[in-house]
């Protein structure tokens, strides 16, 4: 189970409520906890491939930073780290036919938070990794501390931490790395449906034009299936087609992805166990089609941003 891949720090003597809160996922497996850790604390990722990794969690300075939820580690990120680790392990057969192999690739992690997936990527043989998150000094400083704690010094020069606000592609960082990355990682970033256009724009902007360039997206259903469906539709408008998509639960069981389950009456508790896993690539289209699609995408994005400010 995914939740067995992490270890929380030992708690001091706690009230009955605290003990129950931390054990609820074990007492009631269907009510699986989707995130782990507390602001300002730490968590240990138990990697069979690379050893235990102690990751500090940011203590947000204000409400604007707190609503980003970068101060937790999410099941989606744990699953992404597991896929990448397995792909680097010859005894695991390359992890789903090598689909999660980062060796030799340039990797960008969007919404990196603690930086777990990017750190695992550099240890798994990526040529270059950039951890990016909202340009908050606290969030970025915490990610840098995790890199220094868990990445050997000889590899740290291959990994950088950069601030990036989704959809902002005219700054120096975005210009320097336009269409640069052959792997883009995105774990549990789809819950903010108001940011879907901006997120898709960043993905399209940074993704390499190489034929094998891919975006890996893993997201939990805890905020509702409709939000995930919406994102993949928007990504298609941005020129990113879904090459593969399926559902996987915390125990490793897999099933077909569907846009709607149980006539839209999906059990809110049971769905917490499940993740949507998708691999996106650039859509092949004629120049005329690309221009039309991009004009439609940016018009929709501008309209959404305008509606949010009115």
Protein backbone atom coordinates (compact mmCIF):
# COMPACT_ATOMS: atom_id res chain seq x y z
CA UNK A 1 0.00 0.00 0.00
CA UNK A 2 1.24 3.50 -0.84
CA UNK A 3 0.89 4.70 2.73
CA UNK A 4 3.42 2.05 3.81
CA UNK A 5 6.06 3.82 1.70
CA UNK A 6 6.35 6.68 4.17
CA UNK A 7 7.10 7.07 7.85
CA UNK A 8 5.86 9.95 9.94
CA UNK A 9 7.89 11.28 12.88
CA UNK A 10 7.08 9.86 16.27
CA UNK A 11 4.49 12.01 17.97
CA UNK A 12 4.73 13.23 21.54
CA UNK A 13 2.08 12.16 24.00
CA UNK A 14 -1.13 13.06 22.21
CA UNK A 15 -4.77 13.40 22.93
CA UNK A 16 -7.16 10.65 21.93
CA UNK A 17 -8.33 12.83 19.03
CA UNK A 18 -4.77 13.15 17.64
CA UNK A 19 -4.11 9.42 17.88
CA UNK A 20 -7.41 8.63 16.14
CA UNK A 21 -6.77 11.20 13.39
CA UNK A 22 -3.38 9.72 12.51
CA UNK A 23 -4.65 6.12 12.58
CA UNK A 24 -7.93 6.57 10.74
CA UNK A 25 -6.52 5.25 7.44
CA UNK A 26 -5.42 2.04 9.14
CA UNK A 27 -8.62 1.54 11.12
CA UNK A 28 -10.82 2.20 8.09
CA UNK A 29 -8.85 1.32 4.91
CA UNK A 30 -11.60 2.65 2.62
CA UNK A 31 -11.16 6.07 4.20
CA UNK A 32 -7.56 6.29 3.02
CA UNK A 33 -5.60 9.38 3.91
CA UNK A 34 -4.67 11.24 0.71
CA UNK A 35 -1.96 13.49 2.17
CA UNK A 36 0.63 13.16 4.90
CA UNK A 37 2.63 15.33 7.27
CA UNK A 38 2.12 18.62 9.04
CA UNK A 39 3.47 22.10 8.24
CA UNK A 40 7.00 22.53 9.54
CA UNK A 41 7.49 18.83 10.30
CA UNK A 42 9.18 16.14 8.24
CA UNK A 43 8.36 12.83 6.63
CA UNK A 44 10.53 9.90 5.55
CA UNK A 45 10.08 8.29 2.15
CA UNK A 46 11.10 4.64 2.38
CA UNK A 47 12.79 3.99 -0.95
CA UNK A 48 13.94 0.45 -1.68
CA UNK A 49 16.10 1.74 -4.51
CA UNK A 50 17.77 4.77 -2.90
CA UNK A 51 17.38 4.37 0.84
CA UNK A 52 15.34 6.41 3.31
CA UNK A 53 14.83 10.06 2.38
CA UNK A 54 14.02 12.57 5.08
CA UNK A 55 11.93 15.39 3.63
CA UNK A 56 11.10 18.54 5.52
CA UNK A 57 7.69 20.09 4.92
CA UNK A 58 7.38 23.83 4.50
CA UNK A 59 5.68 25.91 7.18
CA UNK A 60 3.68 28.40 5.09
CA UNK A 61 4.14 32.02 6.12
CA UNK A 62 0.71 33.26 5.14
CA UNK A 63 -2.68 32.16 3.85
CA UNK A 64 -1.72 32.64 0.18
CA UNK A 65 1.04 30.06 0.61
CA UNK A 66 -1.05 27.75 2.78
CA UNK A 67 -3.75 27.30 0.14
CA UNK A 68 -1.11 25.88 -2.22
CA UNK A 69 -0.93 22.78 0.01
CA UNK A 70 2.82 22.46 -0.58
CA UNK A 71 3.18 21.59 3.11
CA UNK A 72 2.00 17.99 2.62
CA UNK A 73 3.13 14.94 0.66
CA UNK A 74 0.31 13.47 -1.41
CA UNK A 75 -0.32 9.89 -2.50
CA UNK A 76 0.01 10.98 -6.12
CA UNK A 77 3.59 12.10 -5.48
CA UNK A 78 4.43 8.87 -3.67
CA UNK A 79 3.08 6.86 -6.61
CA UNK A 80 5.08 8.95 -9.09
CA UNK A 81 8.24 8.41 -7.06
CA UNK A 82 7.55 4.66 -6.95
CA UNK A 83 7.06 4.44 -10.71
CA UNK A 84 10.31 6.30 -11.39
CA UNK A 85 12.21 4.20 -8.83
CA UNK A 86 10.89 0.94 -10.25
CA UNK A 87 11.86 1.99 -13.78
CA UNK A 88 15.48 2.41 -12.63
CA UNK A 89 15.53 -1.01 -10.95
CA UNK A 90 16.52 -3.82 -13.36
CA UNK A 91 14.81 -6.38 -11.12
CA UNK A 92 11.46 -4.60 -11.68
CA UNK A 93 11.60 -4.93 -15.47
CA UNK A 94 11.74 -1.21 -16.19
CA UNK A 95 8.41 -0.34 -14.60
CA UNK A 96 5.52 -0.73 -17.05
CA UNK A 97 7.69 -1.37 -20.09
CA UNK A 98 10.05 1.50 -19.35
CA UNK A 99 7.38 4.19 -19.55
CA UNK A 100 8.63 5.80 -16.33
CA UNK A 101 12.33 5.76 -17.19
CA UNK A 102 14.04 9.14 -16.68
CA UNK A 103 17.62 8.07 -17.34
CA UNK A 104 19.31 10.55 -19.67
CA UNK A 105 16.25 12.82 -19.77
CA UNK A 106 15.81 16.47 -18.84
CA UNK A 107 13.06 16.59 -16.21
CA UNK A 108 10.84 19.41 -14.98
CA UNK A 109 8.62 18.94 -11.95
CA UNK A 110 5.67 21.32 -11.75
CA UNK A 111 4.21 22.03 -8.31
CA UNK A 112 7.10 20.19 -6.70
CA UNK A 113 6.35 21.01 -3.05
CA UNK A 114 8.89 18.99 -1.06
CA UNK A 115 10.60 17.93 -4.29
CA UNK A 116 10.23 14.17 -3.79
CA UNK A 117 9.63 13.16 -7.42
CA UNK A 118 12.41 15.39 -8.78
CA UNK A 119 14.88 14.15 -6.18
CA UNK A 120 14.05 10.54 -7.07
CA UNK A 121 14.48 11.43 -10.76
CA UNK A 122 18.05 12.69 -10.35
CA UNK A 123 18.92 9.60 -8.30
CA UNK A 124 17.35 7.43 -11.02
CA UNK A 125 19.70 8.78 -13.67
CA UNK A 126 18.07 11.91 -15.11
CA UNK A 127 20.55 14.12 -16.93
CA UNK A 128 19.02 17.31 -15.54
CA UNK A 129 16.17 18.10 -13.13
CA UNK A 130 14.42 21.36 -12.32
CA UNK A 131 12.11 21.47 -9.32
CA UNK A 132 9.60 24.27 -9.79
CA UNK A 133 6.86 25.64 -7.61
CA UNK A 134 5.09 28.90 -6.92
CA UNK A 135 7.75 31.58 -6.33
CA UNK A 136 7.43 31.60 -2.55
CA UNK A 137 10.73 32.02 -0.70
CA UNK A 138 9.62 29.55 2.00
CA UNK A 139 8.56 26.83 -0.46
CA UNK A 140 11.67 27.13 -2.62
CA UNK A 141 14.05 27.26 0.36
CA UNK A 142 12.49 24.10 1.77
CA UNK A 143 12.87 22.27 -1.55
CA UNK A 144 16.54 23.30 -1.71
CA UNK A 145 17.08 21.98 1.82
CA UNK A 146 15.60 18.62 0.80
CA UNK A 147 17.89 18.45 -2.21
CA UNK A 148 20.96 19.14 -0.06
CA UNK A 149 19.84 16.52 2.46
CA UNK A 150 19.05 13.70 0.02
CA UNK A 151 21.11 14.19 -3.14
CA UNK A 152 24.86 13.41 -3.22
CA UNK A 153 26.98 16.52 -3.82
CA UNK A 154 28.26 15.24 -7.15
CA UNK A 155 24.66 15.14 -8.45
CA UNK A 156 23.42 18.39 -6.92
CA UNK A 157 24.90 20.40 -9.80
CA UNK A 158 22.42 18.65 -12.10
CA UNK A 159 19.42 19.74 -10.04
CA UNK A 160 18.10 23.26 -9.59
CA UNK A 161 15.09 24.78 -7.81
CA UNK A 162 13.22 27.55 -9.60
CA UNK A 163 10.13 29.60 -8.94
CA UNK A 164 7.44 29.34 -11.60
CA UNK A 165 3.88 30.55 -11.63
CA UNK A 166 1.83 28.43 -14.01
CA UNK A 167 0.92 30.23 -17.20
CA UNK A 168 3.67 32.86 -16.83
CA UNK A 169 5.92 32.05 -19.77
CA UNK A 170 7.52 35.41 -20.57
CA UNK A 171 10.00 35.60 -17.67
CA UNK A 172 13.72 34.77 -17.98
CA UNK A 173 13.36 31.20 -16.69
CA UNK A 174 10.52 30.36 -19.07
CA UNK A 175 12.28 31.86 -22.07
CA UNK A 176 15.52 30.00 -21.31
CA UNK A 177 13.78 26.63 -20.97
CA UNK A 178 11.09 26.88 -23.66
CA UNK A 179 10.45 23.42 -25.19
CA UNK A 180 13.44 22.09 -23.27
CA UNK A 181 12.23 19.18 -21.14
CA UNK A 182 11.65 15.65 -22.38
CA UNK A 183 9.87 14.67 -19.15
CA UNK A 184 7.45 16.85 -17.18
CA UNK A 185 6.12 15.58 -13.86
CA UNK A 186 2.85 16.75 -12.36
CA UNK A 187 1.51 15.07 -9.21
CA UNK A 188 -1.72 16.17 -7.52
CA UNK A 189 -1.88 19.57 -9.18
CA UNK A 190 -5.36 19.27 -10.71
CA UNK A 191 -7.53 20.16 -7.70
CA UNK A 192 -7.39 23.88 -8.57
CA UNK A 193 -9.68 23.86 -11.58
CA UNK A 194 -9.27 27.62 -11.92
CA UNK A 195 -5.61 27.01 -12.78
CA UNK A 196 -6.10 24.30 -15.40
CA UNK A 197 -5.53 26.59 -18.38
CA UNK A 198 -2.40 28.06 -16.82
CA UNK A 199 -1.04 24.62 -15.92
CA UNK A 200 -1.67 23.27 -19.42
CA UNK A 201 0.00 26.34 -20.91
CA UNK A 202 3.13 25.73 -18.83
CA UNK A 203 3.21 22.08 -19.85
CA UNK A 204 2.96 22.92 -23.53
CA UNK A 205 5.54 25.70 -23.22
CA UNK A 206 8.22 23.63 -21.50
CA UNK A 207 7.69 20.27 -23.26
CA UNK A 208 10.31 19.38 -25.84
CA UNK A 209 9.33 18.81 -29.46
CA UNK A 210 11.17 15.49 -29.46
CA UNK A 211 9.00 12.55 -30.45
CA UNK A 212 9.53 10.78 -27.13
CA UNK A 213 8.83 13.82 -24.92
CA UNK A 214 6.05 13.14 -22.42
CA UNK A 215 4.11 14.73 -19.57
CA UNK A 216 3.34 12.41 -16.66
CA UNK A 217 0.25 13.34 -14.66
CA UNK A 218 -0.98 11.59 -11.52
CA UNK A 219 -3.92 12.99 -9.56
CA UNK A 220 -6.19 11.82 -6.79
CA UNK A 221 -9.96 11.65 -7.06
CA UNK A 222 -10.39 13.16 -3.59
CA UNK A 223 -11.50 16.51 -5.06
CA UNK A 224 -13.85 14.93 -7.57
CA UNK A 225 -13.64 13.20 -10.94
CA UNK A 226 -15.11 16.17 -12.82
CA UNK A 227 -12.06 18.32 -12.12
CA UNK A 228 -9.75 15.71 -13.61
CA UNK A 229 -11.93 15.31 -16.69
CA UNK A 230 -11.91 19.07 -17.15
CA UNK A 231 -8.12 19.26 -17.06
CA UNK A 232 -7.56 16.57 -19.69
CA UNK A 233 -10.04 18.32 -21.98
CA UNK A 234 -8.20 21.62 -21.51
CA UNK A 235 -4.82 19.95 -22.06
CA UNK A 236 -6.12 18.64 -25.39
CA UNK A 237 -7.04 22.21 -26.36
CA UNK A 238 -3.46 23.22 -25.53
CA UNK A 239 -2.13 20.60 -27.95
CA UNK A 240 -1.42 17.78 -25.49
CA UNK A 241 -3.20 14.53 -26.24
CA UNK A 242 -3.66 11.71 -23.78
CA UNK A 243 -1.56 8.79 -24.94
CA UNK A 244 -2.51 6.55 -22.01
CA UNK A 245 -4.76 6.93 -18.99
CA UNK A 246 -5.92 4.49 -16.34
CA UNK A 247 -6.87 4.28 -12.67
CA UNK A 248 -4.86 2.67 -9.88
CA UNK A 249 -5.61 2.31 -6.20
CA UNK A 250 -3.28 2.43 -3.20
CA UNK A 251 -2.92 -1.37 -3.25
CA UNK A 252 -1.79 -1.46 -6.89
CA UNK A 253 -5.07 -2.63 -8.42
CA UNK A 254 -5.79 -1.07 -11.79
CA UNK A 255 -8.92 -0.42 -13.81
CA UNK A 256 -10.05 1.44 -16.91
CA UNK A 257 -10.32 5.23 -16.79
CA UNK A 258 -13.83 6.53 -17.30
CA UNK A 259 -15.08 10.10 -17.45
CA UNK A 260 -18.00 9.24 -15.21
CA UNK A 261 -18.45 6.38 -12.75
CA UNK A 262 -21.66 5.17 -11.13
CA UNK A 263 -23.72 7.73 -13.04
CA UNK A 264 -21.87 10.54 -11.30
CA UNK A 265 -22.69 9.20 -7.82
CA UNK A 266 -19.19 8.01 -6.98
CA UNK A 267 -18.66 7.23 -3.30
CA UNK A 268 -16.59 10.06 -1.83
CA UNK A 269 -14.88 7.80 0.70
CA UNK A 270 -14.03 4.91 -1.61
CA UNK A 271 -12.65 7.14 -4.34
CA UNK A 272 -9.90 8.38 -1.98
CA UNK A 273 -8.07 5.10 -2.65
CA UNK A 274 -7.86 5.76 -6.38
CA UNK A 275 -5.54 7.80 -8.59
CA UNK A 276 -5.80 8.80 -12.23
CA UNK A 277 -2.55 8.14 -14.07
CA UNK A 278 -1.96 9.69 -17.47
CA UNK A 279 0.79 10.07 -20.03
CA UNK A 280 0.44 13.04 -22.37
CA UNK A 281 2.29 13.87 -25.56
CA UNK A 282 2.20 16.57 -28.20
CA UNK A 283 -0.73 16.24 -30.54
CA UNK A 284 0.21 15.77 -34.17
CA UNK A 285 -1.67 18.30 -36.27
CA UNK A 286 -1.26 20.43 -39.35
CA UNK A 287 0.03 23.99 -38.97
CA UNK A 288 -3.43 25.40 -39.70
CA UNK A 289 -5.03 23.17 -37.09
CA UNK A 290 -2.39 24.13 -34.52
CA UNK A 291 -2.97 27.85 -35.05
CA UNK A 292 -6.73 27.45 -34.73
CA UNK A 293 -6.49 25.29 -31.62
CA UNK A 294 -4.02 27.64 -29.94
CA UNK A 295 -6.18 30.67 -30.68
CA UNK A 296 -9.19 28.88 -29.18
CA UNK A 297 -7.16 27.78 -26.15
CA UNK A 298 -5.78 31.22 -25.35
CA UNK A 299 -9.18 32.84 -25.87
CA UNK A 300 -10.70 30.39 -23.39
CA UNK A 301 -7.86 30.99 -20.94
CA UNK A 302 -8.24 34.77 -21.10
CA UNK A 303 -12.00 34.47 -20.62
CA UNK A 304 -11.53 32.28 -17.55
CA UNK A 305 -9.01 34.69 -16.01
CA UNK A 306 -11.34 37.60 -16.72
CA UNK A 307 -14.24 35.80 -15.02
CA UNK A 308 -12.12 35.11 -11.94
CA UNK A 309 -11.39 38.81 -11.51
CA UNK A 310 -14.98 39.98 -11.88
